[in-house]
Amino acid sequence: MATIKQVAMAAGVSVATVSRVINQNGYVHEDTRRKVEDAIRELNYAPNEVARSLFKRKSKLIGLLLPDITNPYFPQLARGVEDEMQENDYRLIFGNSDESREKEMDYIQTFIQNNVVGVISSTNDFDADMYANLKIPVVFLDRTSNDRPSVFADGREGGRIAAREIVRRGSKKITVLQGPTHVRPARERSEGAIEVLQELGISYDVFLTTSFSLTEAEDWAKELFDQYPDTDGVLASNDMVASAVLQEAHRLGKRVPEDVQIIGFDDIPLSKLLVPSLSTIHQPAYEMGRKAAKLLIQFIEGQHVEHHSIQYPVKFIERQTTRKVVL
């Protein structure tokens, strides 16, 4: 890859002149400008965004921090963020925190060192000093914040919907797979489901899990059916966990949905490819990512922002792991 020094040598000018041409900053004679532009094209030179930001004192870089890129839900968020940023001439630096506060802090420092002008973060630690002390706009995505700019889905209502649907379809001994308690959306989903089950007087058990990881979910699915062999309905904390429950049900010879119904959460692309395909609660992840990016751009560019906290509705997607409603 060509450097700015090579461009300067090819055009017979100084590095400072090349920088003025690239950044459209300061006077450059038209003949000189053409020489520099010709050299850039011939050498296929792409200006480094961080270097450009240092020259212009204004970056077009955004930091995006997500908790687990191996979970297919989060790439949907990321794609929405990227598409909106790309259309507005911004670029992303990405970090994967693995739900680790230490990694999260490291990435925030990396973002700062790379002169980002804003951060989008899916974090559980909204009030941490690392965010409170930032001098740039921050938008929280997916994980809700009460008093900071946020874009998220209505997880509590999603839990309620899932509980109503599994009861409507005949389940009477339901297991609620509660996700990690430090993740607010996971708590809200299980709380919403439990509220409805209690209102309807339906027997239920709560099975606690500590992450959304598919690898660990396989063990939890085995333990779930060991502890509650008669369960006839499972409300999973997300689609990854639901897929592990579906696999374990098959292994045990349980018919889905005749013997046990399963409802996931997120509606990741995999959910429609499973056999049988997974009934789930749909979150508009791509749209949420775009909205978070749009909100951050408004803050960066000093535009008026009417709503700082944006909640998206969720909906039930009926597929083959739940029975048809008998009218």
C-alpha atoms as a PDB file:
ATOM      1  CA  MET A   1       0.000   0.000   0.000  1.00  0.00           C
ATOM      2  CA  ALA A   2       1.353   3.414  -1.001  1.00  0.00           C
ATOM      3  CA  THR A   3       2.269   6.006   1.641  1.00  0.00           C
ATOM      4  CA  ILE A   4       1.775   9.753   1.648  1.00  0.00           C
ATOM      5  CA  LYS A   5       5.559  10.156   1.257  1.00  0.00           C
ATOM      6  CA  GLN A   6       5.501   8.095  -1.940  1.00  0.00           C
ATOM      7  CA  VAL A   7       2.660  10.237  -3.278  1.00  0.00           C
ATOM      8  CA  ALA A   8       4.680  13.381  -2.496  1.00  0.00           C
ATOM      9  CA  MET A   9       7.770  11.985  -4.261  1.00  0.00           C
ATOM     10  CA  ALA A  10       5.777  10.959  -7.333  1.00  0.00           C
ATOM     11  CA  ALA A  11       4.187  14.408  -7.589  1.00  0.00           C
ATOM     12  CA  GLY A  12       7.436  16.229  -6.815  1.00  0.00           C
ATOM     13  CA  VAL A  13       5.934  18.101  -3.869  1.00  0.00           C
ATOM     14  CA  SER A  14       6.158  18.069  -0.081  1.00  0.00           C
ATOM     15  CA  VAL A  15       4.125  15.840   2.228  1.00  0.00           C
ATOM     16  CA  ALA A  16       2.454  18.991   3.578  1.00  0.00           C
ATOM     17  CA  THR A  17       1.227  19.855   0.077  1.00  0.00           C
ATOM     18  CA  VAL A  18      -0.234  16.377  -0.377  1.00  0.00           C
ATOM     19  CA  SER A  19      -1.999  16.756   2.975  1.00  0.00           C
ATOM     20  CA  ARG A  20      -3.484  20.093   1.905  1.00  0.00           C
ATOM     21  CA  VAL A  21      -4.843  18.501  -1.272  1.00  0.00           C
ATOM     22  CA  ILE A  22      -6.302  15.500   0.562  1.00  0.00           C
ATOM     23  CA  ASN A  23      -7.889  17.577   3.296  1.00  0.00           C
ATOM     24  CA  GLN A  24      -8.845  20.540   1.081  1.00  0.00           C
ATOM     25  CA  ASN A  25      -7.153  22.798   3.590  1.00  0.00           C
ATOM     26  CA  GLY A  26      -5.061  25.764   2.452  1.00  0.00           C
ATOM     27  CA  TYR A  27      -4.079  27.079  -0.954  1.00  0.00           C
ATOM     28  CA  VAL A  28      -2.573  24.756  -3.559  1.00  0.00           C
ATOM     29  CA  HIS A  29      -1.914  25.885  -7.148  1.00  0.00           C
ATOM     30  CA  GLU A  30      -4.233  24.140  -9.616  1.00  0.00           C
ATOM     31  CA  ASP A  31      -1.343  22.561 -11.585  1.00  0.00           C
ATOM     32  CA  THR A  32       0.149  21.225  -8.356  1.00  0.00           C
ATOM     33  CA  ARG A  33      -3.222  19.897  -7.254  1.00  0.00           C
ATOM     34  CA  ARG A  34      -3.567  17.979 -10.517  1.00  0.00           C
ATOM     35  CA  LYS A  35      -0.097  16.438 -10.099  1.00  0.00           C
ATOM     36  CA  VAL A  36      -0.978  15.267  -6.592  1.00  0.00           C
ATOM     37  CA  GLU A  37      -4.349  13.868  -7.673  1.00  0.00           C
ATOM     38  CA  ASP A  38      -2.690  12.042 -10.607  1.00  0.00           C
ATOM     39  CA  ALA A  39      -0.105  10.534  -8.233  1.00  0.00           C
ATOM     40  CA  ILE A  40      -2.848   9.428  -5.820  1.00  0.00           C
ATOM     41  CA  ARG A  41      -4.687   7.659  -8.645  1.00  0.00           C
ATOM     42  CA  GLU A  42      -1.555   6.049 -10.105  1.00  0.00           C
ATOM     43  CA  LEU A  43      -0.402   4.760  -6.720  1.00  0.00           C
ATOM     44  CA  ASN A  44      -3.935   3.840  -5.602  1.00  0.00           C
ATOM     45  CA  TYR A  45      -3.293   5.762  -2.384  1.00  0.00           C
ATOM     46  CA  ALA A  46      -5.985   5.612   0.316  1.00  0.00           C
ATOM     47  CA  PRO A  47      -5.506   8.256   3.049  1.00  0.00           C
ATOM     48  CA  ASN A  48      -5.399   6.828   6.551  1.00  0.00           C
ATOM     49  CA  GLU A  49      -8.551   7.972   8.336  1.00  0.00           C
ATOM     50  CA  VAL A  50      -6.791   8.511  11.653  1.00  0.00           C
ATOM     51  CA  ALA A  51      -4.033  10.555  10.002  1.00  0.00           C
ATOM     52  CA  ARG A  52      -6.607  12.556   8.098  1.00  0.00           C
ATOM     53  CA  SER A  53      -8.491  13.263  11.318  1.00  0.00           C
ATOM     54  CA  LEU A  54      -5.322  14.615  12.928  1.00  0.00           C
ATOM     55  CA  PHE A  55      -4.779  17.008  10.034  1.00  0.00           C
ATOM     56  CA  LYS A  56      -8.399  18.170   9.951  1.00  0.00           C
ATOM     57  CA  ARG A  57      -8.893  18.097  13.733  1.00  0.00           C
ATOM     58  CA  LYS A  58     -12.096  16.251  12.965  1.00  0.00           C
ATOM     59  CA  SER A  59     -12.391  12.499  12.595  1.00  0.00           C
ATOM     60  CA  LYS A  60     -14.966  10.473  10.722  1.00  0.00           C
ATOM     61  CA  LEU A  61     -14.331   7.446  12.912  1.00  0.00           C
ATOM     62  CA  ILE A  62     -16.909   5.839  15.225  1.00  0.00           C
ATOM     63  CA  GLY A  63     -16.246   3.220  17.911  1.00  0.00           C
ATOM     64  CA  LEU A  64     -18.686   0.292  18.005  1.00  0.00           C
ATOM     65  CA  LEU A  65     -18.527  -2.023  21.021  1.00  0.00           C
ATOM     66  CA  LEU A  66     -20.569  -5.246  21.127  1.00  0.00           C
ATOM     67  CA  PRO A  67     -20.532  -8.049  23.722  1.00  0.00           C
ATOM     68  CA  ASP A  68     -20.300 -11.228  21.618  1.00  0.00           C
ATOM     69  CA  ILE A  69     -19.881 -11.214  17.849  1.00  0.00           C
ATOM     70  CA  THR A  70     -20.281 -15.025  17.737  1.00  0.00           C
ATOM     71  CA  ASN A  71     -23.957 -14.579  18.631  1.00  0.00           C
ATOM     72  CA  PRO A  72     -25.698 -13.994  15.246  1.00  0.00           C
ATOM     73  CA  TYR A  73     -27.949 -11.357  16.798  1.00  0.00           C
ATOM     74  CA  PHE A  74     -25.111  -8.867  17.249  1.00  0.00           C
ATOM     75  CA  PRO A  75     -23.852  -8.880  13.635  1.00  0.00           C
ATOM     76  CA  GLN A  76     -27.379  -7.810  12.660  1.00  0.00           C
ATOM     77  CA  LEU A  77     -27.029  -4.798  14.966  1.00  0.00           C
ATOM     78  CA  ALA A  78     -23.541  -4.116  13.609  1.00  0.00           C
ATOM     79  CA  ARG A  79     -24.699  -4.251   9.996  1.00  0.00           C
ATOM     80  CA  GLY A  80     -27.408  -1.701  10.685  1.00  0.00           C
ATOM     81  CA  VAL A  81     -24.878   0.614  12.337  1.00  0.00           C
ATOM     82  CA  GLU A  82     -22.375   0.169   9.509  1.00  0.00           C
ATOM     83  CA  ASP A  83     -24.861   0.785   6.695  1.00  0.00           C
ATOM     84  CA  GLU A  84     -26.112   4.030   8.240  1.00  0.00           C
ATOM     85  CA  MET A  85     -22.571   5.227   8.982  1.00  0.00           C
ATOM     86  CA  GLN A  86     -21.327   4.326   5.496  1.00  0.00           C
ATOM     87  CA  GLU A  87     -24.126   6.296   3.880  1.00  0.00           C
ATOM     88  CA  ASN A  88     -23.092   9.324   5.936  1.00  0.00           C
ATOM     89  CA  ASP A  89     -19.348   8.970   5.210  1.00  0.00           C
ATOM     90  CA  TYR A  90     -18.385   7.672   8.660  1.00  0.00           C
ATOM     91  CA  ARG A  91     -16.231   4.606   9.337  1.00  0.00           C
ATOM     92  CA  LEU A  92     -16.209   2.098  12.214  1.00  0.00           C
ATOM     93  CA  ILE A  93     -13.625   0.735  14.609  1.00  0.00           C
ATOM     94  CA  PHE A  94     -15.065  -2.420  16.145  1.00  0.00           C
ATOM     95  CA  GLY A  95     -14.498  -4.016  19.551  1.00  0.00           C
ATOM     96  CA  ASN A  96     -15.795  -7.299  20.997  1.00  0.00           C
ATOM     97  CA  SER A  97     -15.971  -7.114  24.796  1.00  0.00           C
ATOM     98  CA  ASP A  98     -16.929 -10.746  25.564  1.00  0.00           C
ATOM     99  CA  GLU A  99     -18.988  -9.288  28.440  1.00  0.00           C
ATOM    100  CA  SER A 100     -15.666  -8.413  30.121  1.00  0.00           C
ATOM    101  CA  ARG A 101     -15.385  -5.017  31.820  1.00  0.00           C
ATOM    102  CA  GLU A 102     -11.617  -5.098  31.427  1.00  0.00           C
ATOM    103  CA  LYS A 103     -11.833  -5.666  27.670  1.00  0.00           C
ATOM    104  CA  GLU A 104     -14.508  -3.001  27.438  1.00  0.00           C
ATOM    105  CA  MET A 105     -12.261  -0.453  29.139  1.00  0.00           C
ATOM    106  CA  ASP A 106      -9.366  -1.419  26.864  1.00  0.00           C
ATOM    107  CA  TYR A 107     -11.473  -0.870  23.764  1.00  0.00           C
ATOM    108  CA  ILE A 108     -12.770   2.485  24.983  1.00  0.00           C
ATOM    109  CA  GLN A 109      -9.140   3.570  25.404  1.00  0.00           C
ATOM    110  CA  THR A 110      -8.358   2.291  21.911  1.00  0.00           C
ATOM    111  CA  PHE A 111     -11.263   4.281  20.513  1.00  0.00           C
ATOM    112  CA  ILE A 112     -10.013   7.432  22.223  1.00  0.00           C
ATOM    113  CA  GLN A 113      -6.459   6.891  20.975  1.00  0.00           C
ATOM    114  CA  ASN A 114      -7.807   6.587  17.443  1.00  0.00           C
ATOM    115  CA  ASN A 115      -9.571   9.939  17.711  1.00  0.00           C
ATOM    116  CA  VAL A 116     -13.158   8.668  17.349  1.00  0.00           C
ATOM    117  CA  VAL A 117     -15.878  11.314  17.465  1.00  0.00           C
ATOM    118  CA  GLY A 118     -18.554   9.071  18.966  1.00  0.00           C
ATOM    119  CA  VAL A 119     -19.209   5.634  20.471  1.00  0.00           C
ATOM    120  CA  ILE A 120     -22.052   3.131  20.159  1.00  0.00           C
ATOM    121  CA  SER A 121     -21.909   0.584  22.954  1.00  0.00           C
ATOM    122  CA  SER A 122     -23.898  -2.464  23.954  1.00  0.00           C
ATOM    123  CA  THR A 123     -22.858  -2.528  27.597  1.00  0.00           C
ATOM    124  CA  ASN A 124     -24.257  -3.483  30.978  1.00  0.00           C
ATOM    125  CA  ASP A 125     -22.273  -0.747  32.717  1.00  0.00           C
ATOM    126  CA  PHE A 126     -23.861   2.512  31.571  1.00  0.00           C
ATOM    127  CA  ASP A 127     -22.818   4.507  34.623  1.00  0.00           C
ATOM    128  CA  ALA A 128     -19.168   3.482  34.601  1.00  0.00           C
ATOM    129  CA  ASP A 129     -16.577   6.259  34.725  1.00  0.00           C
ATOM    130  CA  MET A 130     -15.228   5.177  31.348  1.00  0.00           C
ATOM    131  CA  TYR A 131     -18.477   6.455  29.783  1.00  0.00           C
ATOM    132  CA  ALA A 132     -19.223   9.312  32.187  1.00  0.00           C
ATOM    133  CA  ASN A 133     -15.791  10.843  31.517  1.00  0.00           C
ATOM    134  CA  LEU A 134     -15.934  10.646  27.741  1.00  0.00           C
ATOM    135  CA  LYS A 135     -16.014  14.047  26.039  1.00  0.00           C
ATOM    136  CA  ILE A 136     -17.712  12.663  22.943  1.00  0.00           C
ATOM    137  CA  PRO A 137     -21.297  11.509  22.317  1.00  0.00           C
ATOM    138  CA  VAL A 138     -22.257   7.956  23.339  1.00  0.00           C
ATOM    139  CA  VAL A 139     -25.365   6.010  22.302  1.00  0.00           C
ATOM    140  CA  PHE A 140     -26.218   2.756  24.072  1.00  0.00           C
ATOM    141  CA  LEU A 141     -27.586  -0.007  21.865  1.00  0.00           C
ATOM    142  CA  ASP A 142     -29.745  -3.016  22.850  1.00  0.00           C
ATOM    143  CA  ARG A 143     -28.844  -2.801  26.556  1.00  0.00           C
ATOM    144  CA  THR A 144     -31.148  -0.149  27.993  1.00  0.00           C
ATOM    145  CA  SER A 145     -30.186   2.951  29.960  1.00  0.00           C
ATOM    146  CA  ASN A 146     -32.662   5.030  31.926  1.00  0.00           C
ATOM    147  CA  ASP A 147     -31.148   8.467  31.384  1.00  0.00           C
ATOM    148  CA  ARG A 148     -28.628   8.159  28.529  1.00  0.00           C
ATOM    149  CA  PRO A 149     -29.263   8.144  24.756  1.00  0.00           C
ATOM    150  CA  SER A 150     -30.367   4.588  23.990  1.00  0.00           C
ATOM    151  CA  VAL A 151     -31.945   2.380  21.327  1.00  0.00           C
ATOM    152  CA  PHE A 152     -33.469  -0.887  22.520  1.00  0.00           C
ATOM    153  CA  ALA A 153     -36.376  -3.306  22.146  1.00  0.00           C
ATOM    154  CA  ASP A 154     -39.208  -3.926  24.584  1.00  0.00           C
ATOM    155  CA  GLY A 155     -37.856  -7.083  26.224  1.00  0.00           C
ATOM    156  CA  ARG A 156     -40.411  -7.157  29.025  1.00  0.00           C
ATOM    157  CA  GLU A 157     -43.300  -7.120  26.573  1.00  0.00           C
ATOM    158  CA  GLY A 158     -41.494  -9.769  24.541  1.00  0.00           C
ATOM    159  CA  GLY A 159     -41.471 -12.033  27.586  1.00  0.00           C
ATOM    160  CA  ARG A 160     -45.170 -11.393  28.130  1.00  0.00           C
ATOM    161  CA  ILE A 161     -45.992 -12.195  24.512  1.00  0.00           C
ATOM    162  CA  ALA A 162     -43.971 -15.420  24.587  1.00  0.00           C
ATOM    163  CA  ALA A 163     -45.731 -16.588  27.765  1.00  0.00           C
ATOM    164  CA  ARG A 164     -49.201 -15.828  26.390  1.00  0.00           C
ATOM    165  CA  GLU A 165     -48.479 -17.630  23.131  1.00  0.00           C
ATOM    166  CA  ILE A 166     -47.113 -20.814  24.707  1.00  0.00           C
ATOM    167  CA  VAL A 167     -50.097 -20.983  27.085  1.00  0.00           C
ATOM    168  CA  ARG A 168     -52.574 -20.333  24.235  1.00  0.00           C
ATOM    169  CA  ARG A 169     -51.078 -23.334  22.480  1.00  0.00           C
ATOM    170  CA  GLY A 170     -51.627 -25.675  25.427  1.00  0.00           C
ATOM    171  CA  SER A 171     -48.439 -25.839  27.528  1.00  0.00           C
ATOM    172  CA  LYS A 172     -49.197 -26.362  31.232  1.00  0.00           C
ATOM    173  CA  LYS A 173     -45.763 -27.089  32.793  1.00  0.00           C
ATOM    174  CA  ILE A 174     -43.506 -24.340  31.563  1.00  0.00           C
ATOM    175  CA  THR A 175     -39.824 -23.714  32.163  1.00  0.00           C
ATOM    176  CA  VAL A 176     -38.534 -20.158  31.867  1.00  0.00           C
ATOM    177  CA  LEU A 177     -34.859 -20.121  30.915  1.00  0.00           C
ATOM    178  CA  GLN A 178     -33.623 -16.916  32.496  1.00  0.00           C
ATOM    179  CA  GLY A 179     -30.519 -15.434  30.914  1.00  0.00           C
ATOM    180  CA  PRO A 180     -27.600 -13.852  32.783  1.00  0.00           C
ATOM    181  CA  THR A 181     -28.959 -11.665  35.585  1.00  0.00           C
ATOM    182  CA  HIS A 182     -26.386  -8.895  34.978  1.00  0.00           C
ATOM    183  CA  VAL A 183     -27.855  -8.354  31.483  1.00  0.00           C
ATOM    184  CA  ARG A 184     -30.887  -6.139  31.817  1.00  0.00           C
ATOM    185  CA  PRO A 185     -32.773  -7.341  28.697  1.00  0.00           C
ATOM    186  CA  ALA A 186     -32.425 -10.938  29.921  1.00  0.00           C
ATOM    187  CA  ARG A 187     -33.948 -10.006  33.278  1.00  0.00           C
ATOM    188  CA  GLU A 188     -36.777  -8.084  31.652  1.00  0.00           C
ATOM    189  CA  ARG A 189     -37.677 -10.953  29.309  1.00  0.00           C
ATOM    190  CA  SER A 190     -37.956 -13.476  32.138  1.00  0.00           C
ATOM    191  CA  GLU A 191     -39.763 -11.010  34.412  1.00  0.00           C
ATOM    192  CA  GLY A 192     -42.339 -10.294  31.702  1.00  0.00           C
ATOM    193  CA  ALA A 193     -42.919 -13.999  31.116  1.00  0.00           C
ATOM    194  CA  ILE A 194     -43.262 -14.758  34.837  1.00  0.00           C
ATOM    195  CA  GLU A 195     -45.748 -11.900  35.303  1.00  0.00           C
ATOM    196  CA  VAL A 196     -48.076 -13.411  32.694  1.00  0.00           C
ATOM    197  CA  LEU A 197     -47.698 -16.989  33.954  1.00  0.00           C
ATOM    198  CA  GLN A 198     -48.576 -15.851  37.467  1.00  0.00           C
ATOM    199  CA  GLU A 199     -51.561 -13.856  36.217  1.00  0.00           C
ATOM    200  CA  LEU A 200     -52.842 -16.924  34.351  1.00  0.00           C
ATOM    201  CA  GLY A 201     -52.168 -19.312  37.243  1.00  0.00           C
ATOM    202  CA  ILE A 202     -49.903 -21.549  35.125  1.00  0.00           C
ATOM    203  CA  SER A 203     -47.343 -23.849  36.740  1.00  0.00           C
ATOM    204  CA  TYR A 204     -43.791 -22.809  35.893  1.00  0.00           C
ATOM    205  CA  ASP A 205     -40.159 -23.255  36.908  1.00  0.00           C
ATOM    206  CA  VAL A 206     -37.249 -20.865  36.433  1.00  0.00           C
ATOM    207  CA  PHE A 207     -33.944 -22.260  35.209  1.00  0.00           C
ATOM    208  CA  LEU A 208     -31.041 -19.841  35.709  1.00  0.00           C
ATOM    209  CA  THR A 209     -28.232 -19.530  33.144  1.00  0.00           C
ATOM    210  CA  THR A 210     -25.152 -17.324  33.172  1.00  0.00           C
ATOM    211  CA  SER A 211     -24.638 -16.427  29.498  1.00  0.00           C
ATOM    212  CA  PHE A 212     -26.109 -16.641  26.005  1.00  0.00           C
ATOM    213  CA  SER A 213     -23.289 -18.907  24.774  1.00  0.00           C
ATOM    214  CA  LEU A 214     -24.299 -21.806  22.524  1.00  0.00           C
ATOM    215  CA  THR A 215     -21.516 -24.017  23.910  1.00  0.00           C
ATOM    216  CA  GLU A 216     -22.779 -23.666  27.482  1.00  0.00           C
ATOM    217  CA  ALA A 217     -26.402 -23.816  26.332  1.00  0.00           C
ATOM    218  CA  GLU A 218     -25.943 -27.454  25.306  1.00  0.00           C
ATOM    219  CA  ASP A 219     -25.122 -28.372  28.907  1.00  0.00           C
ATOM    220  CA  TRP A 220     -27.989 -26.267  30.248  1.00  0.00           C
ATOM    221  CA  ALA A 221     -30.449 -27.986  27.918  1.00  0.00           C
ATOM    222  CA  LYS A 222     -29.431 -31.400  29.274  1.00  0.00           C
ATOM    223  CA  GLU A 223     -29.691 -30.158  32.845  1.00  0.00           C
ATOM    224  CA  LEU A 224     -33.076 -28.570  32.160  1.00  0.00           C
ATOM    225  CA  PHE A 225     -34.660 -31.847  31.046  1.00  0.00           C
ATOM    226  CA  ASP A 226     -32.926 -33.702  33.904  1.00  0.00           C
ATOM    227  CA  GLN A 227     -34.454 -31.341  36.461  1.00  0.00           C
ATOM    228  CA  TYR A 228     -37.824 -30.875  34.753  1.00  0.00           C
ATOM    229  CA  PRO A 229     -38.450 -34.010  32.629  1.00  0.00           C
ATOM    230  CA  ASP A 230     -42.188 -33.278  32.442  1.00  0.00           C
ATOM    231  CA  THR A 231     -41.863 -29.734  31.123  1.00  0.00           C
ATOM    232  CA  ASP A 232     -44.049 -29.257  28.065  1.00  0.00           C
ATOM    233  CA  GLY A 233     -43.075 -25.685  27.236  1.00  0.00           C
ATOM    234  CA  VAL A 234     -39.743 -23.844  27.235  1.00  0.00           C
ATOM    235  CA  LEU A 235     -39.354 -20.067  27.046  1.00  0.00           C
ATOM    236  CA  ALA A 236     -35.687 -19.616  26.097  1.00  0.00           C
ATOM    237  CA  SER A 237     -33.598 -16.533  26.847  1.00  0.00           C
ATOM    238  CA  ASN A 238     -32.534 -16.243  23.191  1.00  0.00           C
ATOM    239  CA  ASP A 239     -32.540 -18.226  19.952  1.00  0.00           C
ATOM    240  CA  MET A 240     -29.093 -19.727  20.538  1.00  0.00           C
ATOM    241  CA  VAL A 241     -30.270 -21.280  23.800  1.00  0.00           C
ATOM    242  CA  ALA A 242     -33.569 -22.320  22.194  1.00  0.00           C
ATOM    243  CA  SER A 243     -31.682 -24.180  19.440  1.00  0.00           C
ATOM    244  CA  ALA A 244     -29.750 -26.146  22.088  1.00  0.00           C
ATOM    245  CA  VAL A 245     -33.033 -27.045  23.830  1.00  0.00           C
ATOM    246  CA  LEU A 246     -34.470 -28.191  20.500  1.00  0.00           C
ATOM    247  CA  GLN A 247     -31.438 -30.398  19.857  1.00  0.00           C
ATOM    248  CA  GLU A 248     -31.648 -31.960  23.319  1.00  0.00           C
ATOM    249  CA  ALA A 249     -35.378 -32.593  22.929  1.00  0.00           C
ATOM    250  CA  HIS A 250     -34.638 -34.503  19.717  1.00  0.00           C
ATOM    251  CA  ARG A 251     -31.911 -36.516  21.473  1.00  0.00           C
ATOM    252  CA  LEU A 252     -34.346 -37.529  24.197  1.00  0.00           C
ATOM    253  CA  GLY A 253     -36.976 -38.575  21.683  1.00  0.00           C
ATOM    254  CA  LYS A 254     -39.355 -35.770  22.606  1.00  0.00           C
ATOM    255  CA  ARG A 255     -41.587 -34.606  19.773  1.00  0.00           C
ATOM    256  CA  VAL A 256     -41.570 -30.873  19.068  1.00  0.00           C
ATOM    257  CA  PRO A 257     -44.092 -29.321  19.308  1.00  0.00           C
ATOM    258  CA  GLU A 258     -46.360 -32.234  20.295  1.00  0.00           C
ATOM    259  CA  ASP A 259     -44.558 -33.138  23.534  1.00  0.00           C
ATOM    260  CA  VAL A 260     -42.743 -29.876  24.226  1.00  0.00           C
ATOM    261  CA  GLN A 261     -43.098 -26.420  22.731  1.00  0.00           C
ATOM    262  CA  ILE A 262     -40.152 -24.029  22.444  1.00  0.00           C
ATOM    263  CA  ILE A 263     -40.096 -20.264  21.930  1.00  0.00           C
ATOM    264  CA  GLY A 264     -36.852 -18.359  21.415  1.00  0.00           C
ATOM    265  CA  PHE A 265     -35.998 -14.684  21.439  1.00  0.00           C
ATOM    266  CA  ASP A 266     -34.275 -12.437  18.833  1.00  0.00           C
ATOM    267  CA  ASP A 267     -35.305 -14.058  15.508  1.00  0.00           C
ATOM    268  CA  ILE A 268     -31.757 -14.564  14.247  1.00  0.00           C
ATOM    269  CA  PRO A 269     -31.447 -15.897  10.649  1.00  0.00           C
ATOM    270  CA  LEU A 270     -30.665 -19.395  11.967  1.00  0.00           C
ATOM    271  CA  SER A 271     -34.077 -19.689  13.637  1.00  0.00           C
ATOM    272  CA  LYS A 272     -35.945 -20.226  10.381  1.00  0.00           C
ATOM    273  CA  LEU A 273     -33.411 -22.834   9.172  1.00  0.00           C
ATOM    274  CA  LEU A 274     -33.729 -25.195  12.142  1.00  0.00           C
ATOM    275  CA  VAL A 275     -35.782 -28.375  11.831  1.00  0.00           C
ATOM    276  CA  PRO A 276     -38.424 -27.770  12.947  1.00  0.00           C
ATOM    277  CA  SER A 277     -38.089 -24.019  12.437  1.00  0.00           C
ATOM    278  CA  LEU A 278     -38.092 -21.993  15.631  1.00  0.00           C
ATOM    279  CA  SER A 279     -41.003 -19.919  16.876  1.00  0.00           C
ATOM    280  CA  THR A 280     -39.511 -16.816  18.446  1.00  0.00           C
ATOM    281  CA  ILE A 281     -39.870 -13.188  19.483  1.00  0.00           C
ATOM    282  CA  HIS A 282     -38.628 -10.879  16.751  1.00  0.00           C
ATOM    283  CA  GLN A 283     -36.424  -7.920  17.630  1.00  0.00           C
ATOM    284  CA  PRO A 284     -35.741  -5.495  14.731  1.00  0.00           C
ATOM    285  CA  ALA A 285     -31.975  -5.676  15.216  1.00  0.00           C
ATOM    286  CA  TYR A 286     -30.929  -4.186  11.884  1.00  0.00           C
ATOM    287  CA  GLU A 287     -33.322  -1.254  12.250  1.00  0.00           C
ATOM    288  CA  MET A 288     -32.122  -0.697  15.830  1.00  0.00           C
ATOM    289  CA  GLY A 289     -28.526  -0.539  14.638  1.00  0.00           C
ATOM    290  CA  ARG A 290     -29.385   2.015  11.965  1.00  0.00           C
ATOM    291  CA  LYS A 291     -31.353   4.122  14.422  1.00  0.00           C
ATOM    292  CA  ALA A 292     -28.486   4.124  16.940  1.00  0.00           C
ATOM    293  CA  ALA A 293     -26.096   5.265  14.198  1.00  0.00           C
ATOM    294  CA  LYS A 294     -28.496   7.977  13.051  1.00  0.00           C
ATOM    295  CA  LEU A 295     -28.938   9.200  16.617  1.00  0.00           C
ATOM    296  CA  LEU A 296     -25.174   9.369  17.176  1.00  0.00           C
ATOM    297  CA  ILE A 297     -24.635  11.292  13.925  1.00  0.00           C
ATOM    298  CA  GLN A 298     -27.236  13.820  15.043  1.00  0.00           C
ATOM    299  CA  PHE A 299     -25.328  14.376  18.275  1.00  0.00           C
ATOM    300  CA  ILE A 300     -21.957  14.616  16.520  1.00  0.00           C
ATOM    301  CA  GLU A 301     -23.232  17.114  13.965  1.00  0.00           C
ATOM    302  CA  GLY A 302     -25.056  19.224  16.512  1.00  0.00           C
ATOM    303  CA  GLN A 303     -28.527  18.541  15.133  1.00  0.00           C
ATOM    304  CA  HIS A 304     -31.707  18.818  17.183  1.00  0.00           C
ATOM    305  CA  VAL A 305     -32.595  15.462  18.770  1.00  0.00           C
ATOM    306  CA  GLU A 306     -36.228  15.125  19.793  1.00  0.00           C
ATOM    307  CA  HIS A 307     -36.094  11.673  21.393  1.00  0.00           C
ATOM    308  CA  HIS A 308     -32.948  10.492  23.184  1.00  0.00           C
ATOM    309  CA  SER A 309     -34.399   7.114  24.210  1.00  0.00           C
ATOM    310  CA  ILE A 310     -35.987   4.995  21.491  1.00  0.00           C
ATOM    311  CA  GLN A 311     -37.798   1.739  22.243  1.00  0.00           C
ATOM    312  CA  TYR A 312     -38.785  -0.635  19.445  1.00  0.00           C
ATOM    313  CA  PRO A 313     -41.776  -2.999  19.667  1.00  0.00           C
ATOM    314  CA  VAL A 314     -41.329  -6.766  19.369  1.00  0.00           C
ATOM    315  CA  LYS A 315     -43.613  -9.414  17.888  1.00  0.00           C
ATOM    316  CA  PHE A 316     -44.207 -13.151  17.935  1.00  0.00           C
ATOM    317  CA  ILE A 317     -43.054 -15.122  14.890  1.00  0.00           C
ATOM    318  CA  GLU A 318     -44.989 -18.376  14.612  1.00  0.00           C
ATOM    319  CA  ARG A 319     -43.035 -21.268  13.142  1.00  0.00           C
ATOM    320  CA  GLN A 320     -42.945 -24.991  13.819  1.00  0.00           C
ATOM    321  CA  THR A 321     -41.808 -25.380  17.449  1.00  0.00           C
ATOM    322  CA  THR A 322     -45.223 -24.255  18.680  1.00  0.00           C
ATOM    323  CA  ARG A 323     -48.637 -25.769  18.010  1.00  0.00           C
ATOM    324  CA  LYS A 324     -51.382 -24.107  16.056  1.00  0.00           C
ATOM    325  CA  VAL A 325     -54.020 -22.344  18.138  1.00  0.00           C
ATOM    326  CA  VAL A 326     -57.212 -24.361  18.315  1.00  0.00           C
ATOM    327  CA  LEU A 327     -60.151 -22.001  17.808  1.00  0.00           C
END
